[in-house]
């Protein structure tokens, strides 16, 4: 019982900040442009600083990213197939199929980093860097494929360009270069990066809460249920089986399975709206997943921990 209480006490502040963001969004403090600016600052400045600092200092000597990477990629591919199969049998439109796929495989980086850091500190952040390096390209390629499938021109060029300029991937790669070469960055610079990184988690979690769309919850659809079950039950279960078969255990297994169980990212709604997905379905799915994850993630961490 003590372990479960400890897990609840660790996760409660994280979702407390998410709830605070939901409240602040509905107060006359910032308009939509102001909140969008906060999202950009967190994504382009604060989180890259946090990840660069963590990766540059991490001890990767005992980590073998191969089994973790292959297990997570295989899991996402299987869930993509299941999502498409279910949507097709439901007679869903191309736009709805694409949104279901994205809602089943994409993840909320801000939430994942916060939980990893809270439970495992620097080790959690190092493992998170591996998840980001593996999963960001994988889910973005699949998402663009799902959205552009059957449309003229496709969108893979746009995907590759986005991946090459993704600030989280760039930060992880730069941190890895510093780590592996044994370089010693200027202490003043590292102190500034550390200060920026300290602001990433609280502001990022508030931004997650601000993105909740409660006004969309009245929508009813079998696809909503499928998106919740695939993301929060099926994907982590498949991932657990494949990763255990690959020999993973301990912190690596915990972080990998937790990452697969994270609710989908708010950026999924932007992609759906911009590239021809079902945006209302996506917004509703994002909100339901995030609300339910306040209970599902502590349970998952307790079972794995």
C-alpha atoms as a PDB file:
ATOM      1  CA  UNK A   1       0.000   0.000   0.000  1.00  0.00           C
ATOM      2  CA  UNK A   2       2.877   2.330   0.818  1.00  0.00           C
ATOM      3  CA  UNK A   3       4.257   1.967  -2.734  1.00  0.00           C
ATOM      4  CA  UNK A   4       0.917   2.923  -4.270  1.00  0.00           C
ATOM      5  CA  UNK A   5       0.645   5.955  -1.993  1.00  0.00           C
ATOM      6  CA  UNK A   6       4.157   7.006  -2.982  1.00  0.00           C
ATOM      7  CA  UNK A   7       3.283   6.666  -6.678  1.00  0.00           C
ATOM      8  CA  UNK A   8       0.120   8.699  -6.191  1.00  0.00           C
ATOM      9  CA  UNK A   9       2.028  11.411  -4.346  1.00  0.00           C
ATOM     10  CA  UNK A  10       4.599  11.549  -7.159  1.00  0.00           C
ATOM     11  CA  UNK A  11       2.060  11.707 -10.003  1.00  0.00           C
ATOM     12  CA  UNK A  12      -0.464  14.010  -8.321  1.00  0.00           C
ATOM     13  CA  UNK A  13       1.649  17.196  -8.692  1.00  0.00           C
ATOM     14  CA  UNK A  14       2.158  16.429 -12.389  1.00  0.00           C
ATOM     15  CA  UNK A  15      -1.558  16.186 -13.117  1.00  0.00           C
ATOM     16  CA  UNK A  16      -2.182  19.054 -10.709  1.00  0.00           C
ATOM     17  CA  UNK A  17      -0.198  21.298 -13.059  1.00  0.00           C
ATOM     18  CA  UNK A  18      -2.173  19.904 -16.016  1.00  0.00           C
ATOM     19  CA  UNK A  19      -5.410  20.782 -14.195  1.00  0.00           C
ATOM     20  CA  UNK A  20      -4.024  24.239 -13.429  1.00  0.00           C
ATOM     21  CA  UNK A  21      -3.412  24.757 -17.146  1.00  0.00           C
ATOM     22  CA  UNK A  22      -7.018  23.804 -17.911  1.00  0.00           C
ATOM     23  CA  UNK A  23      -8.238  26.395 -15.387  1.00  0.00           C
ATOM     24  CA  UNK A  24      -5.871  29.146 -16.533  1.00  0.00           C
ATOM     25  CA  UNK A  25      -6.897  28.664 -20.170  1.00  0.00           C
ATOM     26  CA  UNK A  26     -10.473  29.539 -19.216  1.00  0.00           C
ATOM     27  CA  UNK A  27      -9.499  32.707 -17.339  1.00  0.00           C
ATOM     28  CA  UNK A  28      -9.029  36.051 -19.132  1.00  0.00           C
ATOM     29  CA  UNK A  29      -5.232  35.941 -18.855  1.00  0.00           C
ATOM     30  CA  UNK A  30      -4.110  34.970 -22.348  1.00  0.00           C
ATOM     31  CA  UNK A  31      -5.830  34.615 -25.695  1.00  0.00           C
ATOM     32  CA  UNK A  32      -5.231  31.714 -28.086  1.00  0.00           C
ATOM     33  CA  UNK A  33      -2.207  33.469 -29.594  1.00  0.00           C
ATOM     34  CA  UNK A  34      -0.651  33.823 -26.145  1.00  0.00           C
ATOM     35  CA  UNK A  35      -1.080  30.136 -25.384  1.00  0.00           C
ATOM     36  CA  UNK A  36       0.299  29.234 -28.811  1.00  0.00           C
ATOM     37  CA  UNK A  37       3.381  31.349 -28.021  1.00  0.00           C
ATOM     38  CA  UNK A  38       3.882  29.434 -24.764  1.00  0.00           C
ATOM     39  CA  UNK A  39       3.654  26.142 -26.672  1.00  0.00           C
ATOM     40  CA  UNK A  40       6.365  27.324 -29.069  1.00  0.00           C
ATOM     41  CA  UNK A  41       8.675  28.510 -26.276  1.00  0.00           C
ATOM     42  CA  UNK A  42       8.363  25.212 -24.438  1.00  0.00           C
ATOM     43  CA  UNK A  43       8.827  23.148 -27.599  1.00  0.00           C
ATOM     44  CA  UNK A  44      11.655  25.132 -29.212  1.00  0.00           C
ATOM     45  CA  UNK A  45      13.601  26.393 -26.175  1.00  0.00           C
ATOM     46  CA  UNK A  46      12.818  24.909 -22.766  1.00  0.00           C
ATOM     47  CA  UNK A  47      12.426  21.201 -23.555  1.00  0.00           C
ATOM     48  CA  UNK A  48      15.468  21.093 -25.866  1.00  0.00           C
ATOM     49  CA  UNK A  49      17.500  22.675 -23.046  1.00  0.00           C
ATOM     50  CA  UNK A  50      16.255  20.058 -20.578  1.00  0.00           C
ATOM     51  CA  UNK A  51      17.016  17.151 -22.914  1.00  0.00           C
ATOM     52  CA  UNK A  52      20.425  18.479 -23.977  1.00  0.00           C
ATOM     53  CA  UNK A  53      21.506  18.876 -20.366  1.00  0.00           C
ATOM     54  CA  UNK A  54      20.244  15.429 -19.378  1.00  0.00           C
ATOM     55  CA  UNK A  55      21.751  13.579 -22.350  1.00  0.00           C
ATOM     56  CA  UNK A  56      25.097  15.356 -22.159  1.00  0.00           C
ATOM     57  CA  UNK A  57      25.485  14.243 -18.520  1.00  0.00           C
ATOM     58  CA  UNK A  58      23.903  10.778 -18.756  1.00  0.00           C
ATOM     59  CA  UNK A  59      25.793   7.526 -18.280  1.00  0.00           C
ATOM     60  CA  UNK A  60      24.878   5.461 -21.335  1.00  0.00           C
ATOM     61  CA  UNK A  61      27.586   2.874 -20.695  1.00  0.00           C
ATOM     62  CA  UNK A  62      25.190   0.283 -19.294  1.00  0.00           C
ATOM     63  CA  UNK A  63      22.344   0.961 -21.754  1.00  0.00           C
ATOM     64  CA  UNK A  64      21.749  -1.029 -24.938  1.00  0.00           C
ATOM     65  CA  UNK A  65      19.135   0.910 -26.934  1.00  0.00           C
ATOM     66  CA  UNK A  66      18.737  -1.770 -29.635  1.00  0.00           C
ATOM     67  CA  UNK A  67      16.157  -4.097 -27.999  1.00  0.00           C
ATOM     68  CA  UNK A  68      14.229  -1.128 -26.606  1.00  0.00           C
ATOM     69  CA  UNK A  69      14.085   0.588 -29.997  1.00  0.00           C
ATOM     70  CA  UNK A  70      13.100  -2.514 -31.970  1.00  0.00           C
ATOM     71  CA  UNK A  71      10.438  -3.523 -29.448  1.00  0.00           C
ATOM     72  CA  UNK A  72       8.822  -0.084 -29.465  1.00  0.00           C
ATOM     73  CA  UNK A  73       8.854   0.213 -33.266  1.00  0.00           C
ATOM     74  CA  UNK A  74       7.364  -3.272 -33.696  1.00  0.00           C
ATOM     75  CA  UNK A  75       4.636  -2.404 -31.184  1.00  0.00           C
ATOM     76  CA  UNK A  76       3.691   0.806 -32.984  1.00  0.00           C
ATOM     77  CA  UNK A  77       3.533  -0.974 -36.351  1.00  0.00           C
ATOM     78  CA  UNK A  78       1.228  -3.668 -34.943  1.00  0.00           C
ATOM     79  CA  UNK A  79      -1.088  -1.094 -33.340  1.00  0.00           C
ATOM     80  CA  UNK A  80      -1.171   0.900 -36.596  1.00  0.00           C
ATOM     81  CA  UNK A  81      -2.355  -2.235 -38.398  1.00  0.00           C
ATOM     82  CA  UNK A  82      -5.019  -2.915 -35.749  1.00  0.00           C
ATOM     83  CA  UNK A  83      -6.290   0.675 -35.886  1.00  0.00           C
ATOM     84  CA  UNK A  84      -6.594   0.612 -39.667  1.00  0.00           C
ATOM     85  CA  UNK A  85      -8.301  -2.772 -39.576  1.00  0.00           C
ATOM     86  CA  UNK A  86     -10.881  -1.630 -37.008  1.00  0.00           C
ATOM     87  CA  UNK A  87     -11.581   1.657 -38.804  1.00  0.00           C
ATOM     88  CA  UNK A  88     -12.012  -0.108 -42.122  1.00  0.00           C
ATOM     89  CA  UNK A  89     -14.479  -2.588 -40.657  1.00  0.00           C
ATOM     90  CA  UNK A  90     -16.421   0.352 -39.197  1.00  0.00           C
ATOM     91  CA  UNK A  91     -16.594   1.926 -42.654  1.00  0.00           C
ATOM     92  CA  UNK A  92     -14.830   5.034 -41.369  1.00  0.00           C
ATOM     93  CA  UNK A  93     -13.738   7.776 -43.750  1.00  0.00           C
ATOM     94  CA  UNK A  94     -10.086   8.249 -44.722  1.00  0.00           C
ATOM     95  CA  UNK A  95      -9.907  11.274 -42.417  1.00  0.00           C
ATOM     96  CA  UNK A  96     -11.319   9.339 -39.453  1.00  0.00           C
ATOM     97  CA  UNK A  97      -8.994   6.392 -40.096  1.00  0.00           C
ATOM     98  CA  UNK A  98      -5.993   8.705 -40.056  1.00  0.00           C
ATOM     99  CA  UNK A  99      -7.092  10.360 -36.802  1.00  0.00           C
ATOM    100  CA  UNK A 100      -7.646   6.981 -35.148  1.00  0.00           C
ATOM    101  CA  UNK A 101      -4.145   5.867 -36.147  1.00  0.00           C
ATOM    102  CA  UNK A 102      -2.565   9.052 -34.778  1.00  0.00           C
ATOM    103  CA  UNK A 103      -4.568   8.822 -31.573  1.00  0.00           C
ATOM    104  CA  UNK A 104      -3.440   5.235 -31.106  1.00  0.00           C
ATOM    105  CA  UNK A 105       0.312   5.692 -31.567  1.00  0.00           C
ATOM    106  CA  UNK A 106       1.328   9.316 -30.899  1.00  0.00           C
ATOM    107  CA  UNK A 107       2.436  10.427 -27.427  1.00  0.00           C
ATOM    108  CA  UNK A 108       2.573  13.483 -25.192  1.00  0.00           C
ATOM    109  CA  UNK A 109       6.294  14.220 -24.818  1.00  0.00           C
ATOM    110  CA  UNK A 110       5.816  16.836 -22.085  1.00  0.00           C
ATOM    111  CA  UNK A 111       3.936  14.390 -19.872  1.00  0.00           C
ATOM    112  CA  UNK A 112       6.375  11.543 -20.556  1.00  0.00           C
ATOM    113  CA  UNK A 113       9.444  13.594 -19.688  1.00  0.00           C
ATOM    114  CA  UNK A 114       7.837  14.886 -16.486  1.00  0.00           C
ATOM    115  CA  UNK A 115       6.926  11.392 -15.250  1.00  0.00           C
ATOM    116  CA  UNK A 116      10.307   9.896 -16.218  1.00  0.00           C
ATOM    117  CA  UNK A 117      12.183  12.657 -14.403  1.00  0.00           C
ATOM    118  CA  UNK A 118       9.945  12.424 -11.356  1.00  0.00           C
ATOM    119  CA  UNK A 119      10.458   8.679 -10.863  1.00  0.00           C
ATOM    120  CA  UNK A 120      13.963   8.016 -12.196  1.00  0.00           C
ATOM    121  CA  UNK A 121      15.735  11.367 -12.327  1.00  0.00           C
ATOM    122  CA  UNK A 122      18.700  11.549 -14.729  1.00  0.00           C
ATOM    123  CA  UNK A 123      18.332   7.865 -15.653  1.00  0.00           C
ATOM    124  CA  UNK A 124      14.714   8.472 -16.624  1.00  0.00           C
ATOM    125  CA  UNK A 125      15.680  11.439 -18.779  1.00  0.00           C
ATOM    126  CA  UNK A 126      18.414   9.427 -20.520  1.00  0.00           C
ATOM    127  CA  UNK A 127      15.939   6.642 -21.323  1.00  0.00           C
ATOM    128  CA  UNK A 128      13.437   9.275 -22.434  1.00  0.00           C
ATOM    129  CA  UNK A 129      16.010  10.575 -24.927  1.00  0.00           C
ATOM    130  CA  UNK A 130      16.149   7.095 -26.464  1.00  0.00           C
ATOM    131  CA  UNK A 131      12.338   6.980 -26.690  1.00  0.00           C
ATOM    132  CA  UNK A 132      12.265  10.381 -28.392  1.00  0.00           C
ATOM    133  CA  UNK A 133      15.028   9.480 -30.862  1.00  0.00           C
ATOM    134  CA  UNK A 134      13.224   6.267 -31.818  1.00  0.00           C
ATOM    135  CA  UNK A 135       9.562   7.177 -31.587  1.00  0.00           C
ATOM    136  CA  UNK A 136       9.412  10.721 -32.991  1.00  0.00           C
ATOM    137  CA  UNK A 137      10.534   9.652 -36.500  1.00  0.00           C
ATOM    138  CA  UNK A 138       8.457   6.463 -36.375  1.00  0.00           C
ATOM    139  CA  UNK A 139       5.109   8.000 -35.413  1.00  0.00           C
ATOM    140  CA  UNK A 140       5.552  11.047 -37.635  1.00  0.00           C
ATOM    141  CA  UNK A 141       6.253   8.968 -40.741  1.00  0.00           C
ATOM    142  CA  UNK A 142       3.233   6.752 -39.993  1.00  0.00           C
ATOM    143  CA  UNK A 143       1.027   9.781 -39.252  1.00  0.00           C
ATOM    144  CA  UNK A 144       1.886  11.532 -42.517  1.00  0.00           C
ATOM    145  CA  UNK A 145       1.393   8.292 -44.414  1.00  0.00           C
ATOM    146  CA  UNK A 146      -2.033   7.811 -42.817  1.00  0.00           C
ATOM    147  CA  UNK A 147      -3.094  11.401 -43.504  1.00  0.00           C
ATOM    148  CA  UNK A 148      -1.809  11.521 -47.074  1.00  0.00           C
ATOM    149  CA  UNK A 149      -2.713   7.955 -48.045  1.00  0.00           C
ATOM    150  CA  UNK A 150      -4.744   8.058 -51.237  1.00  0.00           C
ATOM    151  CA  UNK A 151      -4.107  11.772 -51.889  1.00  0.00           C
ATOM    152  CA  UNK A 152      -1.991  13.152 -54.745  1.00  0.00           C
ATOM    153  CA  UNK A 153       1.596  14.060 -53.951  1.00  0.00           C
ATOM    154  CA  UNK A 154       1.857  12.503 -50.497  1.00  0.00           C
ATOM    155  CA  UNK A 155       3.724  14.196 -47.739  1.00  0.00           C
ATOM    156  CA  UNK A 156       6.939  12.301 -46.978  1.00  0.00           C
ATOM    157  CA  UNK A 157       9.157  15.191 -48.058  1.00  0.00           C
ATOM    158  CA  UNK A 158       7.462  17.384 -45.494  1.00  0.00           C
ATOM    159  CA  UNK A 159       7.896  14.650 -42.880  1.00  0.00           C
ATOM    160  CA  UNK A 160      11.626  14.287 -43.493  1.00  0.00           C
ATOM    161  CA  UNK A 161      12.088  18.052 -43.350  1.00  0.00           C
ATOM    162  CA  UNK A 162      10.204  18.225 -40.057  1.00  0.00           C
ATOM    163  CA  UNK A 163      12.303  15.445 -38.568  1.00  0.00           C
ATOM    164  CA  UNK A 164      15.585  17.093 -39.573  1.00  0.00           C
ATOM    165  CA  UNK A 165      14.515  20.327 -37.872  1.00  0.00           C
ATOM    166  CA  UNK A 166      12.814  18.771 -34.830  1.00  0.00           C
ATOM    167  CA  UNK A 167      14.311  20.607 -31.811  1.00  0.00           C
ATOM    168  CA  UNK A 168      13.915  17.639 -29.470  1.00  0.00           C
ATOM    169  CA  UNK A 169      15.818  15.292 -31.772  1.00  0.00           C
ATOM    170  CA  UNK A 170      18.499  17.939 -32.409  1.00  0.00           C
ATOM    171  CA  UNK A 171      18.908  18.509 -28.659  1.00  0.00           C
ATOM    172  CA  UNK A 172      19.260  14.771 -28.007  1.00  0.00           C
ATOM    173  CA  UNK A 173      21.832  14.393 -30.805  1.00  0.00           C
ATOM    174  CA  UNK A 174      23.896  17.390 -29.649  1.00  0.00           C
ATOM    175  CA  UNK A 175      23.792  16.136 -26.077  1.00  0.00           C
ATOM    176  CA  UNK A 176      24.938  12.701 -27.241  1.00  0.00           C
ATOM    177  CA  UNK A 177      27.860  14.244 -29.158  1.00  0.00           C
ATOM    178  CA  UNK A 178      28.987  16.143 -26.053  1.00  0.00           C
ATOM    179  CA  UNK A 179      28.545  13.028 -23.930  1.00  0.00           C
ATOM    180  CA  UNK A 180      30.399  10.626 -26.219  1.00  0.00           C
ATOM    181  CA  UNK A 181      33.268  12.991 -27.061  1.00  0.00           C
ATOM    182  CA  UNK A 182      33.850  13.860 -23.430  1.00  0.00           C
ATOM    183  CA  UNK A 183      33.649  17.555 -24.197  1.00  0.00           C
ATOM    184  CA  UNK A 184      33.294  20.075 -21.386  1.00  0.00           C
ATOM    185  CA  UNK A 185      30.911  22.868 -22.429  1.00  0.00           C
ATOM    186  CA  UNK A 186      31.463  26.307 -20.948  1.00  0.00           C
ATOM    187  CA  UNK A 187      30.155  26.187 -17.323  1.00  0.00           C
ATOM    188  CA  UNK A 188      28.310  29.483 -17.749  1.00  0.00           C
ATOM    189  CA  UNK A 189      26.538  28.090 -20.823  1.00  0.00           C
ATOM    190  CA  UNK A 190      25.594  24.867 -19.031  1.00  0.00           C
ATOM    191  CA  UNK A 191      24.269  26.846 -16.069  1.00  0.00           C
ATOM    192  CA  UNK A 192      22.061  28.897 -18.404  1.00  0.00           C
ATOM    193  CA  UNK A 193      20.854  25.716 -20.129  1.00  0.00           C
ATOM    194  CA  UNK A 194      20.086  24.204 -16.728  1.00  0.00           C
ATOM    195  CA  UNK A 195      18.005  27.225 -15.726  1.00  0.00           C
ATOM    196  CA  UNK A 196      16.046  26.999 -18.968  1.00  0.00           C
ATOM    197  CA  UNK A 197      15.514  23.272 -18.481  1.00  0.00           C
ATOM    198  CA  UNK A 198      14.145  23.843 -14.983  1.00  0.00           C
ATOM    199  CA  UNK A 199      11.259  25.798 -16.495  1.00  0.00           C
ATOM    200  CA  UNK A 200      10.381  23.135 -19.079  1.00  0.00           C
ATOM    201  CA  UNK A 201       8.330  20.744 -16.974  1.00  0.00           C
ATOM    202  CA  UNK A 202       6.013  23.132 -15.082  1.00  0.00           C
ATOM    203  CA  UNK A 203       5.289  25.316 -18.096  1.00  0.00           C
ATOM    204  CA  UNK A 204       4.990  22.312 -20.413  1.00  0.00           C
ATOM    205  CA  UNK A 205       2.455  20.613 -18.150  1.00  0.00           C
ATOM    206  CA  UNK A 206       0.417  23.819 -17.839  1.00  0.00           C
ATOM    207  CA  UNK A 207       0.405  24.017 -21.656  1.00  0.00           C
ATOM    208  CA  UNK A 208      -0.866  20.416 -21.835  1.00  0.00           C
ATOM    209  CA  UNK A 209      -3.803  21.316 -19.593  1.00  0.00           C
ATOM    210  CA  UNK A 210      -4.542  24.423 -21.632  1.00  0.00           C
ATOM    211  CA  UNK A 211      -4.938  22.223 -24.708  1.00  0.00           C
ATOM    212  CA  UNK A 212      -7.806  20.173 -23.297  1.00  0.00           C
ATOM    213  CA  UNK A 213     -11.017  20.454 -25.339  1.00  0.00           C
ATOM    214  CA  UNK A 214     -13.868  19.564 -22.991  1.00  0.00           C
ATOM    215  CA  UNK A 215     -16.424  21.072 -25.342  1.00  0.00           C
ATOM    216  CA  UNK A 216     -15.864  18.177 -27.775  1.00  0.00           C
ATOM    217  CA  UNK A 217     -16.738  15.398 -25.305  1.00  0.00           C
ATOM    218  CA  UNK A 218     -20.362  15.145 -26.437  1.00  0.00           C
ATOM    219  CA  UNK A 219     -19.276  13.380 -29.618  1.00  0.00           C
ATOM    220  CA  UNK A 220     -20.087   9.666 -29.621  1.00  0.00           C
ATOM    221  CA  UNK A 221     -18.275   7.192 -31.829  1.00  0.00           C
ATOM    222  CA  UNK A 222     -17.034   3.613 -31.777  1.00  0.00           C
ATOM    223  CA  UNK A 223     -13.757   5.049 -33.018  1.00  0.00           C
ATOM    224  CA  UNK A 224     -13.367   6.984 -29.749  1.00  0.00           C
ATOM    225  CA  UNK A 225     -13.602   3.797 -27.718  1.00  0.00           C
ATOM    226  CA  UNK A 226     -11.180   2.069 -30.054  1.00  0.00           C
ATOM    227  CA  UNK A 227      -8.693   4.936 -29.773  1.00  0.00           C
ATOM    228  CA  UNK A 228      -8.763   4.817 -25.978  1.00  0.00           C
ATOM    229  CA  UNK A 229      -8.465   1.019 -25.769  1.00  0.00           C
ATOM    230  CA  UNK A 230      -5.710   0.766 -28.385  1.00  0.00           C
ATOM    231  CA  UNK A 231      -3.619   3.527 -26.849  1.00  0.00           C
ATOM    232  CA  UNK A 232      -4.060   2.874 -23.155  1.00  0.00           C
ATOM    233  CA  UNK A 233      -4.480  -0.914 -23.008  1.00  0.00           C
ATOM    234  CA  UNK A 234      -3.536  -2.710 -26.227  1.00  0.00           C
ATOM    235  CA  UNK A 235      -0.349  -0.819 -27.113  1.00  0.00           C
ATOM    236  CA  UNK A 236       1.293  -1.033 -23.668  1.00  0.00           C
ATOM    237  CA  UNK A 237       0.266  -4.706 -23.377  1.00  0.00           C
ATOM    238  CA  UNK A 238       1.797  -5.586 -26.742  1.00  0.00           C
ATOM    239  CA  UNK A 239       4.863  -3.513 -25.910  1.00  0.00           C
ATOM    240  CA  UNK A 240       5.302  -5.223 -22.567  1.00  0.00           C
ATOM    241  CA  UNK A 241       5.199  -8.662 -24.197  1.00  0.00           C
ATOM    242  CA  UNK A 242       7.650  -7.792 -26.973  1.00  0.00           C
ATOM    243  CA  UNK A 243      10.056  -5.895 -24.715  1.00  0.00           C
ATOM    244  CA  UNK A 244      10.099  -8.628 -22.082  1.00  0.00           C
ATOM    245  CA  UNK A 245      10.743 -11.180 -24.833  1.00  0.00           C
ATOM    246  CA  UNK A 246      13.705  -9.000 -25.898  1.00  0.00           C
ATOM    247  CA  UNK A 247      15.101  -9.224 -22.362  1.00  0.00           C
ATOM    248  CA  UNK A 248      14.241  -5.744 -21.072  1.00  0.00           C
ATOM    249  CA  UNK A 249      13.573  -5.251 -17.375  1.00  0.00           C
ATOM    250  CA  UNK A 250      13.917  -2.622 -14.679  1.00  0.00           C
ATOM    251  CA  UNK A 251      13.967   1.075 -15.606  1.00  0.00           C
ATOM    252  CA  UNK A 252      14.262   0.409 -19.367  1.00  0.00           C
ATOM    253  CA  UNK A 253      11.091  -1.695 -19.378  1.00  0.00           C
ATOM    254  CA  UNK A 254       9.245   0.792 -17.169  1.00  0.00           C
ATOM    255  CA  UNK A 255      10.048   3.827 -19.318  1.00  0.00           C
ATOM    256  CA  UNK A 256       9.441   2.067 -22.644  1.00  0.00           C
ATOM    257  CA  UNK A 257       6.028   0.679 -21.649  1.00  0.00           C
ATOM    258  CA  UNK A 258       5.050   3.941 -19.951  1.00  0.00           C
ATOM    259  CA  UNK A 259       5.964   5.808 -23.145  1.00  0.00           C
ATOM    260  CA  UNK A 260       3.744   3.507 -25.203  1.00  0.00           C
ATOM    261  CA  UNK A 261       0.855   4.168 -22.784  1.00  0.00           C
ATOM    262  CA  UNK A 262       1.097   7.977 -22.840  1.00  0.00           C
ATOM    263  CA  UNK A 263      -1.926   9.894 -24.160  1.00  0.00           C
ATOM    264  CA  UNK A 264      -1.554  11.323 -27.643  1.00  0.00           C
ATOM    265  CA  UNK A 265       0.060  14.729 -28.124  1.00  0.00           C
ATOM    266  CA  UNK A 266      -1.833  18.003 -28.742  1.00  0.00           C
ATOM    267  CA  UNK A 267       0.176  18.355 -31.968  1.00  0.00           C
ATOM    268  CA  UNK A 268      -1.946  15.502 -33.326  1.00  0.00           C
ATOM    269  CA  UNK A 269      -4.915  17.868 -33.503  1.00  0.00           C
ATOM    270  CA  UNK A 270      -2.880  20.426 -35.446  1.00  0.00           C
ATOM    271  CA  UNK A 271      -1.776  17.731 -37.901  1.00  0.00           C
ATOM    272  CA  UNK A 272      -5.316  16.437 -38.321  1.00  0.00           C
ATOM    273  CA  UNK A 273      -6.700  19.924 -38.935  1.00  0.00           C
ATOM    274  CA  UNK A 274      -3.912  20.922 -41.335  1.00  0.00           C
ATOM    275  CA  UNK A 275      -3.512  17.721 -43.339  1.00  0.00           C
ATOM    276  CA  UNK A 276      -7.062  16.455 -43.816  1.00  0.00           C
ATOM    277  CA  UNK A 277      -7.715  14.300 -40.753  1.00  0.00           C
ATOM    278  CA  UNK A 278     -10.875  14.269 -38.643  1.00  0.00           C
ATOM    279  CA  UNK A 279      -9.995  17.171 -36.311  1.00  0.00           C
ATOM    280  CA  UNK A 280     -13.089  16.972 -34.003  1.00  0.00           C
ATOM    281  CA  UNK A 281     -12.514  13.234 -33.493  1.00  0.00           C
ATOM    282  CA  UNK A 282      -8.863  13.932 -32.738  1.00  0.00           C
ATOM    283  CA  UNK A 283      -9.631  16.679 -30.194  1.00  0.00           C
ATOM    284  CA  UNK A 284     -12.135  14.494 -28.358  1.00  0.00           C
ATOM    285  CA  UNK A 285      -9.783  11.517 -28.293  1.00  0.00           C
ATOM    286  CA  UNK A 286      -6.907  13.632 -26.961  1.00  0.00           C
ATOM    287  CA  UNK A 287      -9.023  14.974 -24.113  1.00  0.00           C
ATOM    288  CA  UNK A 288     -10.456  11.606 -23.066  1.00  0.00           C
ATOM    289  CA  UNK A 289      -7.024   9.958 -23.126  1.00  0.00           C
ATOM    290  CA  UNK A 290      -5.388  12.677 -21.055  1.00  0.00           C
ATOM    291  CA  UNK A 291      -8.136  12.645 -18.416  1.00  0.00           C
ATOM    292  CA  UNK A 292      -8.036   8.840 -18.111  1.00  0.00           C
ATOM    293  CA  UNK A 293      -4.234   8.771 -18.008  1.00  0.00           C
ATOM    294  CA  UNK A 294      -4.335  10.474 -14.591  1.00  0.00           C
ATOM    295  CA  UNK A 295      -5.473   7.072 -13.278  1.00  0.00           C
ATOM    296  CA  UNK A 296      -4.033   4.640 -15.840  1.00  0.00           C
ATOM    297  CA  UNK A 297      -0.396   5.797 -15.705  1.00  0.00           C
ATOM    298  CA  UNK A 298      -0.008   5.517 -11.894  1.00  0.00           C
ATOM    299  CA  UNK A 299      -1.559   2.031 -12.059  1.00  0.00           C
ATOM    300  CA  UNK A 300       0.814   1.021 -14.857  1.00  0.00           C
ATOM    301  CA  UNK A 301       3.869   2.386 -13.041  1.00  0.00           C
ATOM    302  CA  UNK A 302       2.818   0.576  -9.859  1.00  0.00           C
ATOM    303  CA  UNK A 303       2.462  -2.747 -11.693  1.00  0.00           C
ATOM    304  CA  UNK A 304       5.793  -2.383 -13.492  1.00  0.00           C
ATOM    305  CA  UNK A 305       7.695  -0.830 -10.599  1.00  0.00           C
END
